[in-house]
Amino acid sequence: MLQAHDTQARPFIKWAGGKTRLLEEIRRTIPVDISFNRGLTYVEPFVGGGAVLFWILRQYPNIEHAVITIM
């Protein structure tokens, strides 16, 4: 079965105000123990082009569910 972290997904559209350049700053806001938790759900209220969504799913394979909205 293909897992989210097995792919090299990138933002699916070029999005004004995209967060690709902010990923390092976003990483600093994530709790350091996130990798130790199981069964996590990531909620992305402003998916836009998907940069943060795809990045976080690759970085943290312990996230089992993702809830997104398209604004």
Protein backbone atom coordinates (compact mmCIF):
# COMPACT_ATOMS: atom_id res chain seq x y z
CA MET A 1 0.00 0.00 0.00
CA LEU A 2 1.34 3.44 -0.94
CA GLN A 3 1.86 5.66 2.07
CA ALA A 4 1.77 9.47 2.05
CA HIS A 5 5.47 9.65 2.91
CA ASP A 6 6.38 7.40 -0.07
CA THR A 7 5.47 10.05 -2.61
CA GLN A 8 7.11 13.31 -3.55
CA ALA A 9 3.92 15.35 -3.76
CA ARG A 10 4.27 19.05 -4.23
CA PRO A 11 1.71 21.82 -4.06
CA PHE A 12 -0.88 21.07 -6.70
CA ILE A 13 -1.37 24.70 -7.75
CA LYS A 14 0.72 27.84 -7.55
CA TRP A 15 -0.97 29.78 -4.80
CA ALA A 16 -0.60 33.46 -4.04
CA GLY A 17 0.54 33.58 -0.43
CA GLY A 18 1.79 29.99 -0.54
CA LYS A 19 3.61 28.69 2.53
CA THR A 20 6.44 26.73 0.87
CA ARG A 21 8.97 29.38 1.90
CA LEU A 22 7.65 29.35 5.48
CA LEU A 23 8.04 25.62 6.14
CA GLU A 24 11.12 26.07 8.36
CA GLU A 25 9.30 28.62 10.50
CA ILE A 26 6.23 26.40 10.66
CA ARG A 27 8.42 23.45 11.71
CA ARG A 28 9.62 25.45 14.72
CA THR A 29 6.04 25.78 15.97
CA ILE A 30 5.35 22.03 15.94
CA PRO A 31 5.69 20.31 19.34
CA VAL A 32 8.98 18.40 19.60
CA ASP A 33 7.23 15.23 20.78
CA ILE A 34 4.86 14.94 17.81
CA SER A 35 6.83 12.01 16.38
CA PHE A 36 6.19 9.95 19.50
CA ASN A 37 2.40 10.15 19.29
CA ARG A 38 0.34 7.62 17.34
CA GLY A 39 -2.99 7.90 15.60
CA LEU A 40 -2.75 11.65 15.02
CA THR A 41 -5.14 13.66 12.88
CA TYR A 42 -3.84 16.75 11.08
CA VAL A 43 -6.40 19.47 10.36
CA GLU A 44 -5.55 21.91 7.56
CA PRO A 45 -8.19 24.64 7.38
CA PHE A 46 -6.52 26.59 4.56
CA VAL A 47 -4.98 23.99 2.26
CA GLY A 48 -4.44 26.40 -0.63
CA GLY A 49 -1.80 24.71 -2.78
CA GLY A 50 -1.11 22.01 -0.22
CA ALA A 51 2.52 22.85 0.64
CA VAL A 52 2.13 22.43 4.40
CA LEU A 53 -0.17 19.42 4.07
CA PHE A 54 2.23 17.46 1.85
CA TRP A 55 5.28 18.50 3.85
CA ILE A 56 3.83 17.53 7.22
CA LEU A 57 2.59 14.15 5.95
CA ARG A 58 6.11 13.35 4.70
CA GLN A 59 7.77 14.52 7.91
CA TYR A 60 5.41 12.77 10.31
CA PRO A 61 4.26 9.36 9.01
CA ASN A 62 2.54 8.78 12.36
CA ILE A 63 -0.24 11.12 11.22
CA GLU A 64 -2.96 8.68 10.25
CA HIS A 65 -5.69 11.08 9.12
CA ALA A 66 -5.81 14.48 7.46
CA VAL A 67 -8.82 16.78 7.32
CA ILE A 68 -8.59 19.58 4.76
CA THR A 69 -10.77 22.35 3.43
CA ILE A 70 -10.34 24.26 0.21
CA MET A 71 -10.85 27.97 0.57
